Amino acid sequence: METIRKRVVLDFDLEGYHKWENAIPEVLFLKNEHRHMFQIRVEIEVQDSDREVEIFIETGRLQDYLMESYGAPCQFRGMSCEHIAEDILQWGIEDGYKKVGVYEDGKGGAVVFV
């Protein structure tokens, strides 16, 4: 019998700004700072089935980290979705973060994982 693995999922929206400093000609407008509603989705590995990680508390911790690091609304400057996701994963990896997705306006984004 295979071992059952469990993950808690955080999923929230975050207003932020960024730009693509090396934008290619087809999307040159992305070189300028622009606003997104970023969707942040995080998977955290847990062992216990009884709120080892409480979703509201962990979401608040992560939101606090992002606002302390990048302001409110978040000023990600030249960071891509990949950069933002990597930053979140590195911040939370010791707390069991395994997968982080950062999406722009529900249209697409990036996923990083260990």
Protein backbone atom coordinates (compact mmCIF):
# COMPACT_ATOMS: atom_id res chain seq x y z
CA MET A 1 0.00 0.00 0.00
CA GLU A 2 1.29 3.43 -0.92
CA THR A 3 1.88 6.08 1.71
CA ILE A 4 -0.68 8.85 1.75
CA ARG A 5 0.94 12.28 1.51
CA LYS A 6 -0.87 15.42 2.56
CA ARG A 7 -0.55 19.07 1.66
CA VAL A 8 -2.33 22.15 2.88
CA VAL A 9 -3.09 24.68 0.14
CA LEU A 10 -3.00 28.46 0.53
CA ASP A 11 -4.72 30.45 -2.22
CA PHE A 12 -5.12 34.23 -2.18
CA ASP A 13 -4.97 37.35 -4.34
CA LEU A 14 -2.43 40.11 -3.94
CA GLU A 15 -2.28 43.47 -5.69
CA GLY A 16 1.13 44.26 -7.09
CA TYR A 17 3.18 45.98 -9.77
CA HIS A 18 6.11 44.81 -11.83
CA LYS A 19 7.80 45.29 -15.18
CA TRP A 20 9.80 43.27 -17.67
CA GLU A 21 12.94 45.31 -18.15
CA ASN A 22 14.10 43.24 -21.17
CA ALA A 23 10.72 43.10 -22.90
CA ILE A 24 10.86 41.97 -26.52
CA PRO A 25 9.42 44.20 -29.28
CA GLU A 26 6.13 42.28 -29.57
CA VAL A 27 5.24 43.17 -25.96
CA LEU A 28 7.31 46.29 -25.40
CA PHE A 29 4.55 47.78 -23.23
CA LEU A 30 5.53 45.28 -20.51
CA LYS A 31 8.76 47.24 -20.04
CA ASN A 32 6.74 49.84 -18.14
CA GLU A 33 5.51 49.21 -14.63
CA HIS A 34 2.02 47.69 -14.71
CA ARG A 35 -0.52 46.38 -12.22
CA HIS A 36 -1.73 42.84 -11.71
CA MET A 37 -3.85 40.97 -9.28
CA PHE A 38 -1.41 38.19 -8.54
CA GLN A 39 -2.88 34.88 -7.46
CA ILE A 40 -0.59 33.15 -5.00
CA ARG A 41 -1.05 29.41 -4.51
CA VAL A 42 1.18 27.50 -2.09
CA GLU A 43 1.27 23.81 -1.21
CA ILE A 44 2.69 22.92 2.21
CA GLU A 45 3.46 19.33 3.13
CA VAL A 46 1.99 18.18 6.44
CA GLN A 47 2.00 14.93 8.39
CA ASP A 48 -0.96 15.53 10.70
CA SER A 49 -4.57 15.68 9.46
CA ASP A 50 -5.72 18.03 12.24
CA ARG A 51 -4.54 21.51 11.30
CA GLU A 52 -0.83 21.06 11.63
CA VAL A 53 -0.76 24.19 9.48
CA GLU A 54 -3.80 26.43 9.92
CA ILE A 55 -4.69 28.02 6.57
CA PHE A 56 -5.76 31.45 7.86
CA ILE A 57 -2.71 31.83 10.09
CA GLU A 58 -0.20 30.69 7.44
CA THR A 59 -1.82 32.90 4.78
CA GLY A 60 -1.48 35.86 7.14
CA ARG A 61 2.18 35.05 7.82
CA LEU A 62 2.94 34.89 4.10
CA GLN A 63 1.01 38.08 3.34
CA ASP A 64 2.90 39.86 6.14
CA TYR A 65 6.20 38.68 4.68
CA LEU A 66 5.30 39.91 1.20
CA MET A 67 4.09 43.32 2.43
CA GLU A 68 7.15 43.78 4.67
CA SER A 69 9.42 42.85 1.77
CA TYR A 70 7.67 44.59 -1.10
CA GLY A 71 5.17 47.08 0.36
CA ALA A 72 1.40 47.34 -0.05
CA PRO A 73 0.55 47.11 -2.85
CA CYS A 74 3.61 44.99 -3.61
CA GLN A 75 6.30 46.62 -5.73
CA PHE A 76 8.00 43.67 -7.37
CA ARG A 77 9.94 45.90 -9.80
CA GLY A 78 11.72 43.69 -12.36
CA MET A 79 10.68 40.38 -10.79
CA SER A 80 8.87 37.86 -12.99
CA CYS A 81 6.27 35.43 -11.68
CA GLU A 82 9.09 32.88 -11.52
CA HIS A 83 11.18 35.22 -9.35
CA ILE A 84 8.28 35.91 -6.99
CA ALA A 85 7.45 32.21 -6.68
CA GLU A 86 11.11 31.33 -6.01
CA ASP A 87 11.31 33.99 -3.30
CA ILE A 88 8.19 32.64 -1.58
CA LEU A 89 9.44 29.05 -1.83
CA GLN A 90 12.83 29.94 -0.36
CA TRP A 91 11.14 31.86 2.47
CA GLY A 92 8.86 28.96 3.38
CA ILE A 93 10.89 25.90 2.49
CA GLU A 94 11.86 25.14 6.11
CA ASP A 95 8.16 25.31 7.04
CA GLY A 96 7.26 22.62 4.50
CA TYR A 97 6.55 24.74 1.41
CA LYS A 98 6.80 22.38 -1.55
CA LYS A 99 5.14 24.15 -4.47
CA VAL A 100 4.38 27.81 -5.23
CA GLY A 101 2.40 29.21 -8.13
CA VAL A 102 2.18 32.90 -8.99
CA TYR A 103 -0.35 33.87 -11.64
CA GLU A 104 -1.26 37.19 -13.27
CA ASP A 105 -4.92 38.17 -13.46
CA GLY A 106 -6.04 34.57 -13.88
CA LYS A 107 -4.34 34.42 -17.30
CA GLY A 108 -1.14 32.53 -16.61
CA GLY A 109 1.98 32.55 -14.52
CA ALA A 110 4.66 30.29 -13.13
CA VAL A 111 5.05 27.34 -10.79
CA VAL A 112 8.19 26.37 -8.88
CA PHE A 113 8.56 23.30 -6.67
CA VAL A 114 10.92 21.00 -4.82
